[in-house]
Amino acid sequence: MPPLVDADLFAAVQEQLEENRRRGKRRPREIQFLVQGLAVCARCGYAYCGAYSGSPRRGGQPRSYGYYRCTGADSYRFGGQPVCDNPATRDDLLDSAVWAEVRALLEDPQRILEEYQRRIDDPSGRTRRDELNATEKQIGKLRQGVGRLIDGYAEGLIEKGEFEPRIRRLKERVAALEEQSGQLAEEAVQQGELRLVIGRLEEFAARLTDNLDTLEWQTRREIVRALVKRVEIDHEQVKVV
């Protein structure tokens, strides 16, 4: 087959690819954002996302930190007019503050244990499985009612004017109960997980406490994501939930 490109062009492309690879090895390490996906704006509710600094230091040296920026402050997202004035915050400062909170929690595992135990002992939580079973029985009965109603209409026992509103109400009721059933099932699973966690909690916290100063970044991120639900950023304060 004839070549698609001539030899000189092929050689030039290979040379450029090799140069790109060499430059890629010299690129500075990318900034890692510890609470990416957890940080939210306490004012507008939009996410705070990690971003690189827009300008280098004096002398052209790249900065060693990035920023978390409220996406509600990005005017291009909202037709040229931002919806929030919450300022950006340095990622190294925010990450350090959140990690300090998580570390304090790990160094006092009794706080976690008491919270988990409170949830398990909650009277409203002990009946989740019973509520789920009762709800599923209701759904079964309503589905039977839908079937009987359809049979009655097919056999001419129910007029169309009576059938349509009744079938609509039954289907709406089934849909509402199915949504409720899903929530109850999720809560029942969470209860089971909490019971498993309590059995190993103190051992887990003790093992981590001995190595908190030497944990790799990825391990810290996994711990943060396991213990932190969200990080709310306001003008003057940060709240770790």
C-alpha atoms as a PDB file:
ATOM      1  CA  MET A   1       0.000   0.000   0.000  1.00  0.00           C
ATOM      2  CA  PRO A   2       1.272   3.525  -0.684  1.00  0.00           C
ATOM      3  CA  PRO A   3       2.212   5.546   2.449  1.00  0.00           C
ATOM      4  CA  LEU A   4      -0.377   7.999   3.782  1.00  0.00           C
ATOM      5  CA  VAL A   5       2.271  10.630   4.630  1.00  0.00           C
ATOM      6  CA  ASP A   6       5.776  11.151   3.346  1.00  0.00           C
ATOM      7  CA  ALA A   7       8.824  10.132   5.380  1.00  0.00           C
ATOM      8  CA  ASP A   8       9.840  13.706   6.318  1.00  0.00           C
ATOM      9  CA  LEU A   9       6.401  14.520   7.771  1.00  0.00           C
ATOM     10  CA  PHE A  10       6.335  11.251   9.708  1.00  0.00           C
ATOM     11  CA  ALA A  11       9.785  11.965  11.180  1.00  0.00           C
ATOM     12  CA  ALA A  12       8.752  15.497  12.172  1.00  0.00           C
ATOM     13  CA  VAL A  13       5.631  14.183  13.972  1.00  0.00           C
ATOM     14  CA  GLN A  14       7.679  11.596  15.877  1.00  0.00           C
ATOM     15  CA  GLU A  15      10.127  14.291  16.962  1.00  0.00           C
ATOM     16  CA  GLN A  16       7.279  16.486  18.230  1.00  0.00           C
ATOM     17  CA  LEU A  17       5.696  13.577  20.135  1.00  0.00           C
ATOM     18  CA  GLU A  18       8.995  12.853  21.850  1.00  0.00           C
ATOM     19  CA  GLU A  19       9.321  16.511  22.817  1.00  0.00           C
ATOM     20  CA  ASN A  20       5.797  16.473  24.238  1.00  0.00           C
ATOM     21  CA  ARG A  21       6.664  13.443  26.360  1.00  0.00           C
ATOM     22  CA  ARG A  22       9.787  15.138  27.734  1.00  0.00           C
ATOM     23  CA  ARG A  23       7.832  18.263  28.614  1.00  0.00           C
ATOM     24  CA  GLY A  24       5.109  16.185  30.225  1.00  0.00           C
ATOM     25  CA  LYS A  25       7.628  14.684  32.635  1.00  0.00           C
ATOM     26  CA  ARG A  26       8.708  18.162  33.733  1.00  0.00           C
ATOM     27  CA  ARG A  27       5.188  19.387  34.468  1.00  0.00           C
ATOM     28  CA  PRO A  28       4.580  20.261  38.118  1.00  0.00           C
ATOM     29  CA  ARG A  29       2.455  17.929  40.157  1.00  0.00           C
ATOM     30  CA  GLU A  30      -1.216  18.691  39.855  1.00  0.00           C
ATOM     31  CA  ILE A  31      -2.977  20.217  42.816  1.00  0.00           C
ATOM     32  CA  GLN A  32      -5.082  17.736  44.742  1.00  0.00           C
ATOM     33  CA  PHE A  33      -8.285  18.977  46.345  1.00  0.00           C
ATOM     34  CA  LEU A  34      -9.073  17.112  49.552  1.00  0.00           C
ATOM     35  CA  VAL A  35     -12.743  18.118  49.905  1.00  0.00           C
ATOM     36  CA  GLN A  36     -13.648  18.273  46.201  1.00  0.00           C
ATOM     37  CA  GLY A  37     -17.271  17.153  45.873  1.00  0.00           C
ATOM     38  CA  LEU A  38     -18.036  17.913  49.542  1.00  0.00           C
ATOM     39  CA  ALA A  39     -17.636  21.715  49.635  1.00  0.00           C
ATOM     40  CA  VAL A  40     -20.800  23.788  49.139  1.00  0.00           C
ATOM     41  CA  CYS A  41     -21.633  27.466  49.422  1.00  0.00           C
ATOM     42  CA  ALA A  42     -23.616  28.272  52.565  1.00  0.00           C
ATOM     43  CA  ARG A  43     -25.177  31.277  50.824  1.00  0.00           C
ATOM     44  CA  CYS A  44     -26.360  30.094  47.414  1.00  0.00           C
ATOM     45  CA  GLY A  45     -26.085  26.317  47.755  1.00  0.00           C
ATOM     46  CA  TYR A  46     -23.895  25.842  44.695  1.00  0.00           C
ATOM     47  CA  ALA A  47     -20.780  23.690  44.838  1.00  0.00           C
ATOM     48  CA  TYR A  48     -17.335  25.001  45.692  1.00  0.00           C
ATOM     49  CA  CYS A  49     -14.986  23.488  43.092  1.00  0.00           C
ATOM     50  CA  GLY A  50     -11.212  23.265  43.106  1.00  0.00           C
ATOM     51  CA  ALA A  51      -9.354  25.395  40.577  1.00  0.00           C
ATOM     52  CA  TYR A  52      -5.788  26.392  39.788  1.00  0.00           C
ATOM     53  CA  SER A  53      -4.464  29.813  40.644  1.00  0.00           C
ATOM     54  CA  GLY A  54      -4.849  32.226  37.771  1.00  0.00           C
ATOM     55  CA  SER A  55      -1.460  33.921  38.155  1.00  0.00           C
ATOM     56  CA  PRO A  56       2.049  32.745  39.101  1.00  0.00           C
ATOM     57  CA  ARG A  57       4.165  34.134  41.898  1.00  0.00           C
ATOM     58  CA  ARG A  58       6.717  36.872  41.297  1.00  0.00           C
ATOM     59  CA  GLY A  59       9.549  35.541  39.219  1.00  0.00           C
ATOM     60  CA  GLY A  60       7.240  33.267  37.244  1.00  0.00           C
ATOM     61  CA  GLN A  61       7.233  30.437  39.773  1.00  0.00           C
ATOM     62  CA  PRO A  62       3.982  28.459  39.881  1.00  0.00           C
ATOM     63  CA  ARG A  63       1.954  28.612  43.064  1.00  0.00           C
ATOM     64  CA  SER A  64       1.906  25.534  45.279  1.00  0.00           C
ATOM     65  CA  TYR A  65      -1.783  25.868  46.059  1.00  0.00           C
ATOM     66  CA  GLY A  66      -5.085  26.295  44.302  1.00  0.00           C
ATOM     67  CA  TYR A  67      -8.480  27.647  45.292  1.00  0.00           C
ATOM     68  CA  TYR A  68     -11.983  26.486  46.000  1.00  0.00           C
ATOM     69  CA  ARG A  69     -14.376  28.766  44.148  1.00  0.00           C
ATOM     70  CA  CYS A  70     -18.164  29.033  44.412  1.00  0.00           C
ATOM     71  CA  THR A  71     -19.682  28.182  41.054  1.00  0.00           C
ATOM     72  CA  GLY A  72     -22.487  30.610  41.839  1.00  0.00           C
ATOM     73  CA  ALA A  73     -19.912  33.404  41.509  1.00  0.00           C
ATOM     74  CA  ASP A  74     -19.115  32.449  37.900  1.00  0.00           C
ATOM     75  CA  SER A  75     -20.947  35.028  35.811  1.00  0.00           C
ATOM     76  CA  TYR A  76     -20.631  33.024  32.593  1.00  0.00           C
ATOM     77  CA  ARG A  77     -22.834  30.311  34.093  1.00  0.00           C
ATOM     78  CA  PHE A  78     -25.730  32.722  34.642  1.00  0.00           C
ATOM     79  CA  GLY A  79     -25.905  34.887  31.555  1.00  0.00           C
ATOM     80  CA  GLY A  80     -23.182  37.290  32.643  1.00  0.00           C
ATOM     81  CA  GLN A  81     -24.561  37.992  36.138  1.00  0.00           C
ATOM     82  CA  PRO A  82     -23.238  35.968  39.122  1.00  0.00           C
ATOM     83  CA  VAL A  83     -25.766  34.848  41.723  1.00  0.00           C
ATOM     84  CA  CYS A  84     -23.344  34.784  44.663  1.00  0.00           C
ATOM     85  CA  ASP A  85     -20.575  36.973  46.087  1.00  0.00           C
ATOM     86  CA  ASN A  86     -18.994  34.366  48.353  1.00  0.00           C
ATOM     87  CA  PRO A  87     -15.219  34.672  47.783  1.00  0.00           C
ATOM     88  CA  ALA A  88     -12.806  31.914  46.835  1.00  0.00           C
ATOM     89  CA  THR A  89     -10.715  30.277  49.531  1.00  0.00           C
ATOM     90  CA  ARG A  90      -7.241  28.768  49.343  1.00  0.00           C
ATOM     91  CA  ASP A  91      -7.349  25.001  49.095  1.00  0.00           C
ATOM     92  CA  ASP A  92      -4.403  24.403  51.430  1.00  0.00           C
ATOM     93  CA  LEU A  93      -6.063  26.405  54.219  1.00  0.00           C
ATOM     94  CA  LEU A  94      -9.484  24.805  53.779  1.00  0.00           C
ATOM     95  CA  ASP A  95      -8.072  21.293  53.450  1.00  0.00           C
ATOM     96  CA  SER A  96      -5.985  21.768  56.613  1.00  0.00           C
ATOM     97  CA  ALA A  97      -8.975  23.063  58.578  1.00  0.00           C
ATOM     98  CA  VAL A  98     -11.222  20.172  57.506  1.00  0.00           C
ATOM     99  CA  TRP A  99      -8.516  17.591  58.192  1.00  0.00           C
ATOM    100  CA  ALA A 100      -8.002  19.086  61.670  1.00  0.00           C
ATOM    101  CA  GLU A 101     -11.703  18.583  62.401  1.00  0.00           C
ATOM    102  CA  VAL A 102     -11.623  15.008  61.110  1.00  0.00           C
ATOM    103  CA  ARG A 103      -8.459  14.284  63.071  1.00  0.00           C
ATOM    104  CA  ALA A 104     -10.001  15.613  66.285  1.00  0.00           C
ATOM    105  CA  LEU A 105     -12.944  13.286  65.719  1.00  0.00           C
ATOM    106  CA  LEU A 106     -10.692  10.279  65.161  1.00  0.00           C
ATOM    107  CA  GLU A 107      -8.668  11.075  68.268  1.00  0.00           C
ATOM    108  CA  ASP A 108     -11.888  11.028  70.303  1.00  0.00           C
ATOM    109  CA  PRO A 109     -13.792   8.013  68.887  1.00  0.00           C
ATOM    110  CA  GLN A 110     -16.254   8.163  71.766  1.00  0.00           C
ATOM    111  CA  ARG A 111     -17.961  11.083  69.974  1.00  0.00           C
ATOM    112  CA  ILE A 112     -18.595   8.889  66.937  1.00  0.00           C
ATOM    113  CA  LEU A 113     -19.655   5.956  69.075  1.00  0.00           C
ATOM    114  CA  GLU A 114     -22.187   8.045  71.006  1.00  0.00           C
ATOM    115  CA  GLU A 115     -23.696   9.425  67.778  1.00  0.00           C
ATOM    116  CA  TYR A 116     -24.025   6.000  66.164  1.00  0.00           C
ATOM    117  CA  GLN A 117     -25.499   4.567  69.341  1.00  0.00           C
ATOM    118  CA  ARG A 118     -28.013   7.434  69.529  1.00  0.00           C
ATOM    119  CA  ARG A 119     -29.186   6.662  66.008  1.00  0.00           C
ATOM    120  CA  ILE A 120     -29.578   2.963  66.714  1.00  0.00           C
ATOM    121  CA  ASP A 121     -31.394   3.584  69.992  1.00  0.00           C
ATOM    122  CA  ASP A 122     -33.755   6.090  68.356  1.00  0.00           C
ATOM    123  CA  PRO A 123     -37.296   4.700  68.885  1.00  0.00           C
ATOM    124  CA  SER A 124     -38.274   5.835  65.403  1.00  0.00           C
ATOM    125  CA  GLY A 125     -35.427   3.762  63.992  1.00  0.00           C
ATOM    126  CA  ARG A 126     -36.323   0.458  65.646  1.00  0.00           C
ATOM    127  CA  THR A 127     -39.542   0.157  63.633  1.00  0.00           C
ATOM    128  CA  ARG A 128     -38.110   0.856  60.175  1.00  0.00           C
ATOM    129  CA  ARG A 129     -38.247  -2.812  59.154  1.00  0.00           C
ATOM    130  CA  ASP A 130     -41.813  -3.155  60.492  1.00  0.00           C
ATOM    131  CA  GLU A 131     -42.863   0.005  58.646  1.00  0.00           C
ATOM    132  CA  LEU A 132     -41.271  -1.309  55.484  1.00  0.00           C
ATOM    133  CA  ASN A 133     -43.140  -4.610  55.720  1.00  0.00           C
ATOM    134  CA  ALA A 134     -46.449  -2.852  56.389  1.00  0.00           C
ATOM    135  CA  THR A 135     -45.898  -0.477  53.462  1.00  0.00           C
ATOM    136  CA  GLU A 136     -45.101  -3.331  51.093  1.00  0.00           C
ATOM    137  CA  LYS A 137     -48.324  -5.082  52.174  1.00  0.00           C
ATOM    138  CA  GLN A 138     -50.274  -1.910  51.426  1.00  0.00           C
ATOM    139  CA  ILE A 139     -48.683  -1.719  47.992  1.00  0.00           C
ATOM    140  CA  GLY A 140     -49.644  -5.333  47.319  1.00  0.00           C
ATOM    141  CA  LYS A 141     -53.260  -4.708  48.277  1.00  0.00           C
ATOM    142  CA  LEU A 142     -53.472  -1.582  46.138  1.00  0.00           C
ATOM    143  CA  ARG A 143     -52.045  -3.416  43.147  1.00  0.00           C
ATOM    144  CA  GLN A 144     -54.682  -6.088  43.613  1.00  0.00           C
ATOM    145  CA  GLY A 145     -57.284  -3.325  43.701  1.00  0.00           C
ATOM    146  CA  VAL A 146     -55.906  -1.926  40.432  1.00  0.00           C
ATOM    147  CA  GLY A 147     -56.180  -5.365  38.855  1.00  0.00           C
ATOM    148  CA  ARG A 148     -59.772  -5.855  40.029  1.00  0.00           C
ATOM    149  CA  LEU A 149     -60.721  -2.401  38.799  1.00  0.00           C
ATOM    150  CA  ILE A 150     -59.278  -3.104  35.362  1.00  0.00           C
ATOM    151  CA  ASP A 151     -61.110  -6.446  35.219  1.00  0.00           C
ATOM    152  CA  GLY A 152     -64.369  -4.745  36.202  1.00  0.00           C
ATOM    153  CA  TYR A 153     -63.954  -2.173  33.454  1.00  0.00           C
ATOM    154  CA  ALA A 154     -63.053  -4.832  30.888  1.00  0.00           C
ATOM    155  CA  GLU A 155     -66.186  -6.819  31.812  1.00  0.00           C
ATOM    156  CA  GLY A 156     -68.372  -3.740  31.497  1.00  0.00           C
ATOM    157  CA  LEU A 157     -69.186  -3.576  35.211  1.00  0.00           C
ATOM    158  CA  ILE A 158     -67.714  -0.062  35.590  1.00  0.00           C
ATOM    159  CA  GLU A 159     -68.371   2.909  33.327  1.00  0.00           C
ATOM    160  CA  LYS A 160     -65.431   4.807  31.799  1.00  0.00           C
ATOM    161  CA  GLY A 161     -66.333   8.029  33.657  1.00  0.00           C
ATOM    162  CA  GLU A 162     -66.070   6.172  36.962  1.00  0.00           C
ATOM    163  CA  PHE A 163     -63.100   4.006  35.993  1.00  0.00           C
ATOM    164  CA  GLU A 164     -60.602   6.699  34.951  1.00  0.00           C
ATOM    165  CA  PRO A 165     -60.559   8.811  38.162  1.00  0.00           C
ATOM    166  CA  ARG A 166     -60.508   5.692  40.349  1.00  0.00           C
ATOM    167  CA  ILE A 167     -57.605   4.075  38.493  1.00  0.00           C
ATOM    168  CA  ARG A 168     -55.692   7.369  38.535  1.00  0.00           C
ATOM    169  CA  ARG A 169     -56.087   7.735  42.309  1.00  0.00           C
ATOM    170  CA  LEU A 170     -55.000   4.143  42.901  1.00  0.00           C
ATOM    171  CA  LYS A 171     -51.898   4.526  40.737  1.00  0.00           C
ATOM    172  CA  GLU A 172     -50.949   7.774  42.470  1.00  0.00           C
ATOM    173  CA  ARG A 173     -51.312   6.059  45.834  1.00  0.00           C
ATOM    174  CA  VAL A 174     -49.151   3.137  44.691  1.00  0.00           C
ATOM    175  CA  ALA A 175     -46.465   5.508  43.407  1.00  0.00           C
ATOM    176  CA  ALA A 176     -46.414   7.425  46.719  1.00  0.00           C
ATOM    177  CA  LEU A 177     -46.132   4.230  48.747  1.00  0.00           C
ATOM    178  CA  GLU A 178     -43.376   2.887  46.488  1.00  0.00           C
ATOM    179  CA  GLU A 179     -41.374   6.052  47.104  1.00  0.00           C
ATOM    180  CA  GLN A 180     -41.951   5.712  50.844  1.00  0.00           C
ATOM    181  CA  SER A 181     -40.948   2.050  50.676  1.00  0.00           C
ATOM    182  CA  GLY A 182     -37.672   2.965  48.975  1.00  0.00           C
ATOM    183  CA  GLN A 183     -36.831   5.463  51.707  1.00  0.00           C
ATOM    184  CA  LEU A 184     -37.650   2.966  54.457  1.00  0.00           C
ATOM    185  CA  ALA A 185     -35.538   0.289  52.778  1.00  0.00           C
ATOM    186  CA  GLU A 186     -32.582   2.662  52.570  1.00  0.00           C
ATOM    187  CA  GLU A 187     -32.935   3.598  56.234  1.00  0.00           C
ATOM    188  CA  ALA A 188     -33.129  -0.075  57.225  1.00  0.00           C
ATOM    189  CA  VAL A 189     -29.901  -0.771  55.333  1.00  0.00           C
ATOM    190  CA  GLN A 190     -28.219   2.192  57.018  1.00  0.00           C
ATOM    191  CA  GLN A 191     -29.264   0.871  60.415  1.00  0.00           C
ATOM    192  CA  GLY A 192     -27.685  -2.475  59.640  1.00  0.00           C
ATOM    193  CA  GLU A 193     -24.488  -0.774  58.500  1.00  0.00           C
ATOM    194  CA  LEU A 194     -24.357   1.311  61.676  1.00  0.00           C
ATOM    195  CA  ARG A 195     -24.578  -1.826  63.808  1.00  0.00           C
ATOM    196  CA  LEU A 196     -21.645  -3.324  61.916  1.00  0.00           C
ATOM    197  CA  VAL A 197     -19.621  -0.131  62.246  1.00  0.00           C
ATOM    198  CA  ILE A 198     -20.040   0.093  66.014  1.00  0.00           C
ATOM    199  CA  GLY A 199     -18.427  -3.315  66.489  1.00  0.00           C
ATOM    200  CA  ARG A 200     -15.165  -2.176  64.868  1.00  0.00           C
ATOM    201  CA  LEU A 201     -15.225   1.556  65.479  1.00  0.00           C
ATOM    202  CA  GLU A 202     -12.838   1.887  68.418  1.00  0.00           C
ATOM    203  CA  GLU A 203     -10.337  -0.508  66.845  1.00  0.00           C
ATOM    204  CA  PHE A 204     -10.504   1.428  63.571  1.00  0.00           C
ATOM    205  CA  ALA A 205     -10.010   4.814  65.235  1.00  0.00           C
ATOM    206  CA  ALA A 206      -7.150   3.542  67.409  1.00  0.00           C
ATOM    207  CA  ARG A 207      -5.319   2.129  64.388  1.00  0.00           C
ATOM    208  CA  LEU A 208      -5.694   5.379  62.466  1.00  0.00           C
ATOM    209  CA  THR A 209      -4.712   7.610  65.387  1.00  0.00           C
ATOM    210  CA  ASP A 210      -1.317   5.929  65.582  1.00  0.00           C
ATOM    211  CA  ASN A 211      -0.609   6.819  61.940  1.00  0.00           C
ATOM    212  CA  LEU A 212      -2.363  10.146  61.344  1.00  0.00           C
ATOM    213  CA  ASP A 213       0.902  11.996  60.721  1.00  0.00           C
ATOM    214  CA  THR A 214       2.080   9.564  58.034  1.00  0.00           C
ATOM    215  CA  LEU A 215      -1.131   8.901  56.094  1.00  0.00           C
ATOM    216  CA  GLU A 216      -0.929   9.311  52.326  1.00  0.00           C
ATOM    217  CA  TRP A 217      -3.101  11.940  50.660  1.00  0.00           C
ATOM    218  CA  GLN A 218      -5.411   9.362  49.072  1.00  0.00           C
ATOM    219  CA  THR A 219      -5.989   7.668  52.427  1.00  0.00           C
ATOM    220  CA  ARG A 220      -6.802  11.021  54.021  1.00  0.00           C
ATOM    221  CA  ARG A 221      -9.301  11.738  51.261  1.00  0.00           C
ATOM    222  CA  GLU A 222     -11.001   8.375  51.757  1.00  0.00           C
ATOM    223  CA  ILE A 223     -11.273   9.031  55.501  1.00  0.00           C
ATOM    224  CA  VAL A 224     -12.666  12.524  54.913  1.00  0.00           C
ATOM    225  CA  ARG A 225     -15.268  11.198  52.484  1.00  0.00           C
ATOM    226  CA  ALA A 226     -16.264   8.487  54.966  1.00  0.00           C
ATOM    227  CA  LEU A 227     -16.799  10.880  57.878  1.00  0.00           C
ATOM    228  CA  VAL A 228     -17.796  14.203  56.276  1.00  0.00           C
ATOM    229  CA  LYS A 229     -21.181  14.749  54.668  1.00  0.00           C
ATOM    230  CA  ARG A 230     -20.471  18.277  53.423  1.00  0.00           C
ATOM    231  CA  VAL A 231     -18.350  21.361  54.090  1.00  0.00           C
ATOM    232  CA  GLU A 232     -20.374  24.587  54.165  1.00  0.00           C
ATOM    233  CA  ILE A 233     -18.360  27.703  53.285  1.00  0.00           C
ATOM    234  CA  ASP A 234     -19.560  31.183  54.274  1.00  0.00           C
ATOM    235  CA  HIS A 235     -17.931  34.606  54.226  1.00  0.00           C
ATOM    236  CA  GLU A 236     -16.506  34.333  57.735  1.00  0.00           C
ATOM    237  CA  GLN A 237     -16.668  30.666  58.688  1.00  0.00           C
ATOM    238  CA  VAL A 238     -16.548  27.071  57.540  1.00  0.00           C
ATOM    239  CA  LYS A 239     -18.862  24.401  58.960  1.00  0.00           C
ATOM    240  CA  VAL A 240     -17.915  20.732  58.694  1.00  0.00           C
ATOM    241  CA  VAL A 241     -21.003  18.491  58.814  1.00  0.00           C
END
